[in-house]
Protein backbone atom coordinates (compact mmCIF):
# COMPACT_ATOMS: atom_id res chain seq x y z
CA UNK A 1 62.20 0.27 -24.50
CA UNK A 2 60.51 -2.85 -23.23
CA UNK A 3 61.26 -6.40 -24.30
CA UNK A 4 59.46 -9.73 -24.32
CA UNK A 5 60.35 -10.37 -20.68
CA UNK A 6 58.66 -7.08 -19.77
CA UNK A 7 55.53 -8.10 -21.67
CA UNK A 8 55.53 -11.41 -19.81
CA UNK A 9 55.84 -9.52 -16.52
CA UNK A 10 52.96 -7.22 -17.43
CA UNK A 11 50.84 -10.24 -18.35
CA UNK A 12 51.59 -11.75 -14.95
CA UNK A 13 50.54 -8.51 -13.25
CA UNK A 14 47.23 -8.37 -15.12
CA UNK A 15 46.50 -12.00 -14.33
CA UNK A 16 47.34 -11.47 -10.66
CA UNK A 17 45.10 -8.40 -10.45
CA UNK A 18 42.17 -10.33 -11.91
CA UNK A 19 42.50 -13.25 -9.50
CA UNK A 20 43.89 -11.54 -6.39
CA UNK A 21 42.51 -12.15 -2.94
CA UNK A 22 43.57 -10.65 0.38
CA UNK A 23 46.34 -13.18 1.01
CA UNK A 24 47.90 -12.63 -2.42
CA UNK A 25 47.64 -8.85 -2.46
CA UNK A 26 51.17 -8.02 -1.15
CA UNK A 27 52.69 -10.12 -3.93
CA UNK A 28 50.46 -8.40 -6.50
CA UNK A 29 51.71 -5.00 -5.34
CA UNK A 30 55.32 -6.16 -5.64
CA UNK A 31 54.66 -7.33 -9.18
CA UNK A 32 53.02 -4.00 -9.97
CA UNK A 33 55.90 -1.83 -8.72
CA UNK A 34 58.51 -4.02 -10.43
CA UNK A 35 56.70 -3.98 -13.78
CA UNK A 36 55.88 -0.28 -13.65
CA UNK A 37 59.52 0.67 -13.03
CA UNK A 38 60.45 -1.10 -16.26
CA UNK A 39 57.63 0.42 -18.27
CA UNK A 40 57.56 4.06 -17.11
CA UNK A 41 60.17 6.03 -19.10
CA UNK A 42 62.77 7.60 -16.81
CA UNK A 43 61.77 5.66 -13.68
CA UNK A 44 64.57 4.22 -11.56
CA UNK A 45 62.61 3.30 -8.43
CA UNK A 46 58.96 2.92 -7.52
CA UNK A 47 56.89 2.48 -4.40
CA UNK A 48 53.36 2.53 -3.08
CA UNK A 49 52.41 4.88 -0.27
CA UNK A 50 49.37 4.04 1.85
CA UNK A 51 47.86 6.57 4.22
CA UNK A 52 45.30 6.14 7.00
CA UNK A 53 42.84 8.42 8.75
CA UNK A 54 45.18 8.46 11.73
CA UNK A 55 47.95 10.04 9.65
CA UNK A 56 49.89 6.80 9.44
CA UNK A 57 52.05 6.33 6.36
CA UNK A 58 53.20 2.89 5.25
CA UNK A 59 54.98 1.39 2.25
CA UNK A 60 53.47 -2.00 1.33
CA UNK A 61 55.67 -2.30 -1.75
CA UNK A 62 58.92 -0.61 -2.78
CA UNK A 63 61.55 -1.54 -5.33
CA UNK A 64 64.44 -0.43 -3.11
CA UNK A 65 65.34 1.17 0.21
CA UNK A 66 65.37 4.69 -1.25
CA UNK A 67 61.64 4.60 -1.89
CA UNK A 68 61.04 3.29 1.63
CA UNK A 69 63.23 6.02 3.13
CA UNK A 70 61.31 8.74 1.31
CA UNK A 71 58.07 7.43 2.80
CA UNK A 72 59.68 7.46 6.25
CA UNK A 73 60.37 11.18 5.79
CA UNK A 74 56.71 11.73 4.89
CA UNK A 75 55.58 9.81 7.97
CA UNK A 76 57.89 11.90 10.12
CA UNK A 77 56.81 15.27 8.76
CA UNK A 78 53.32 14.45 7.40
CA UNK A 79 54.18 16.21 4.17
CA UNK A 80 55.52 15.29 0.76
CA UNK A 81 54.42 14.54 -2.80
CA UNK A 82 53.23 11.00 -2.17
CA UNK A 83 50.96 11.74 0.78
CA UNK A 84 49.65 14.82 -1.00
CA UNK A 85 48.70 12.71 -4.02
CA UNK A 86 47.01 10.17 -1.74
CA UNK A 87 45.13 12.77 0.29
CA UNK A 88 44.02 15.03 -2.58
CA UNK A 89 43.53 12.30 -5.20
CA UNK A 90 45.48 14.46 -7.64
CA UNK A 91 48.75 13.76 -9.44
CA UNK A 92 51.83 15.47 -8.02
CA UNK A 93 54.85 16.18 -10.21
CA UNK A 94 58.29 17.16 -8.93
CA UNK A 95 60.58 18.12 -11.80
CA UNK A 96 63.52 19.07 -9.59
CA UNK A 97 63.39 18.43 -5.86
CA UNK A 98 66.34 20.76 -5.25
CA UNK A 99 64.22 23.76 -6.30
CA UNK A 100 60.74 22.57 -5.26
CA UNK A 101 59.93 24.09 -1.87
CA UNK A 102 56.35 22.87 -1.36
CA UNK A 103 57.41 20.50 1.44
CA UNK A 104 60.48 22.06 3.10
CA UNK A 105 61.05 19.45 5.81
CA UNK A 106 60.62 16.54 3.42
CA UNK A 107 62.78 18.30 0.85
CA UNK A 108 65.63 18.83 3.29
CA UNK A 109 65.74 15.18 4.37
CA UNK A 110 65.33 13.82 0.85
CA UNK A 111 68.12 15.97 -0.57
CA UNK A 112 70.44 15.18 2.31
CA UNK A 113 69.93 11.42 2.35
CA UNK A 114 68.91 10.33 -1.17
CA UNK A 115 69.97 11.09 -4.74
CA UNK A 116 66.36 11.47 -5.92
CA UNK A 117 65.55 14.64 -7.85
CA UNK A 118 62.45 13.80 -9.93
CA UNK A 119 59.19 12.37 -8.55
CA UNK A 120 55.82 11.46 -10.03
CA UNK A 121 53.07 10.50 -7.56
CA UNK A 122 49.73 9.22 -8.84
CA UNK A 123 46.69 8.63 -6.61
CA UNK A 124 45.33 5.09 -6.49
CA UNK A 125 41.56 5.01 -6.11
CA UNK A 126 38.56 3.30 -7.66
CA UNK A 127 35.02 4.51 -7.03
CA UNK A 128 34.99 5.55 -3.37
CA UNK A 129 37.83 3.23 -2.40
CA UNK A 130 41.07 5.10 -1.84
CA UNK A 131 44.30 3.23 -1.27
CA UNK A 132 47.16 5.70 -1.54
CA UNK A 133 49.64 6.65 -4.24
CA UNK A 134 51.95 4.98 -6.74
CA UNK A 135 55.25 6.84 -6.91
CA UNK A 136 58.16 6.90 -9.33
CA UNK A 137 61.61 8.31 -8.66
CA UNK A 138 64.67 9.28 -10.70
CA UNK A 139 68.06 10.75 -9.83
CA UNK A 140 68.04 13.10 -12.82
CA UNK A 141 66.00 16.35 -12.72
CA UNK A 142 63.18 16.58 -15.29
CA UNK A 143 63.41 12.83 -15.85
CA UNK A 144 59.70 12.28 -16.48
CA UNK A 145 57.98 13.25 -19.72
CA UNK A 146 54.31 13.46 -20.61
CA UNK A 147 54.58 9.88 -21.84
CA UNK A 148 56.05 8.86 -18.48
CA UNK A 149 53.08 10.36 -16.70
CA UNK A 150 50.55 8.66 -18.96
CA UNK A 151 52.13 5.24 -18.46
CA UNK A 152 52.47 5.86 -14.72
CA UNK A 153 48.79 6.81 -14.51
CA UNK A 154 47.85 3.56 -16.24
CA UNK A 155 49.75 1.54 -13.64
CA UNK A 156 48.16 3.54 -10.82
CA UNK A 157 44.77 2.61 -12.26
CA UNK A 158 45.78 -1.06 -12.38
CA UNK A 159 46.80 -0.91 -8.72
CA UNK A 160 43.53 0.74 -7.75
CA UNK A 161 41.55 -1.88 -9.65
CA UNK A 162 43.46 -4.62 -7.88
CA UNK A 163 42.65 -3.05 -4.52
CA UNK A 164 39.00 -2.60 -5.49
CA UNK A 165 38.81 -6.22 -6.63
CA UNK A 166 40.25 -7.48 -3.35
CA UNK A 167 37.95 -5.32 -1.22
CA UNK A 168 34.82 -6.26 -3.14
CA UNK A 169 35.74 -9.94 -3.12
CA UNK A 170 36.24 -9.76 0.63
CA UNK A 171 32.91 -7.95 1.05
CA UNK A 172 31.18 -10.61 -1.06
CA UNK A 173 32.68 -13.40 1.04
CA UNK A 174 31.58 -11.64 4.22
CA UNK A 175 28.09 -11.15 2.80
CA UNK A 176 27.84 -14.85 1.99
CA UNK A 177 29.10 -15.73 5.46
CA UNK A 178 26.56 -13.37 7.03
CA UNK A 179 23.75 -14.89 4.98
CA UNK A 180 24.75 -18.39 6.04
CA UNK A 181 24.99 -17.37 9.70
CA UNK A 182 21.57 -15.71 9.68
CA UNK A 183 20.06 -18.67 7.83
CA UNK A 184 21.42 -21.09 10.41
CA UNK A 185 20.10 -19.00 13.32
CA UNK A 186 16.73 -18.68 11.62
CA UNK A 187 16.57 -22.46 11.28
CA UNK A 188 17.31 -22.87 14.99
CA UNK A 189 14.46 -20.53 15.94
CA UNK A 190 12.07 -22.28 13.55
CA UNK A 191 12.85 -25.66 15.08
CA UNK A 192 13.03 -24.56 18.71
CA UNK A 193 9.86 -22.44 18.76
CA UNK A 194 7.96 -23.98 15.83
CA UNK A 195 8.01 -20.73 13.85
CA UNK A 196 7.62 -20.28 10.14
CA UNK A 197 10.52 -18.79 8.17
CA UNK A 198 9.13 -15.25 8.00
CA UNK A 199 8.35 -15.11 11.74
CA UNK A 200 11.78 -16.48 12.63
CA UNK A 201 13.46 -13.78 10.56
CA UNK A 202 11.28 -11.04 12.09
CA UNK A 203 12.25 -12.38 15.52
CA UNK A 204 15.93 -12.01 14.66
CA UNK A 205 15.36 -8.44 13.52
CA UNK A 206 13.45 -7.58 16.71
CA UNK A 207 16.23 -9.07 18.84
CA UNK A 208 18.81 -7.08 16.90
CA UNK A 209 16.91 -3.84 17.43
CA UNK A 210 16.13 -4.42 21.11
CA UNK A 211 19.74 -5.42 21.87
CA UNK A 212 21.18 -2.68 19.63
CA UNK A 213 23.38 -5.38 18.13
CA UNK A 214 24.09 -6.17 14.47
CA UNK A 215 21.89 -8.90 13.03
CA UNK A 216 24.87 -11.11 12.22
CA UNK A 217 26.11 -10.93 15.82
CA UNK A 218 22.67 -11.84 17.19
CA UNK A 219 22.57 -14.81 14.84
CA UNK A 220 26.06 -15.88 15.88
CA UNK A 221 25.10 -15.77 19.57
CA UNK A 222 22.06 -17.97 18.93
CA UNK A 223 24.26 -20.49 17.11
CA UNK A 224 26.88 -20.42 19.89
CA UNK A 225 24.19 -20.90 22.55
CA UNK A 226 22.77 -23.88 20.67
CA UNK A 227 26.23 -25.38 20.30
CA UNK A 228 26.88 -25.07 24.05
CA UNK A 229 23.56 -26.77 24.83
CA UNK A 230 24.29 -29.70 22.57
CA UNK A 231 25.39 -32.86 24.44
């Protein structure tokens, strides 16, 4: 059962997700794993597994060293419930790790070096943005019920929304920066060559195409060149 402190913690998580930017994101993930461990029935530990296209596995947030160690096994063998959930975007349930042979190398290390027997791994993705998986662990076999899985899925969705919010905010900031850079370069061309706004912009596009260089980079070079020429 949860208490008022848990509700306060959940409120903090929701507020952090809404306002998160790139610098705050690690702290948001820590809040998410801490809160979810308290709310998901049967959970004793939690962690987030992030995978890359180069088969790199990392753990940006874990509630203890056991969760981190389990991710290290998955990095070593490139197999396990957490990476499978991240790669397939499907929930993975392990009711009893001692009898689940889907990942033999991972299973051997996990049984030998941790007390974990039950695992729930939920993919974290929003739209086309895929982050990884939110994972819950317990030392007792069959520790997670249907209710556990529903609550865990809700927290995985919260984590994915936080990630989506951060990425889209970053993209928006970059778009604004690009617009400002192009606008500044366009102004330089208008002043230097007495061009109207439309012609200056077309000139930037033509330079970008002829140089096979992104428009923002062409604009930045024009600004840098003007800065160097200034007394």
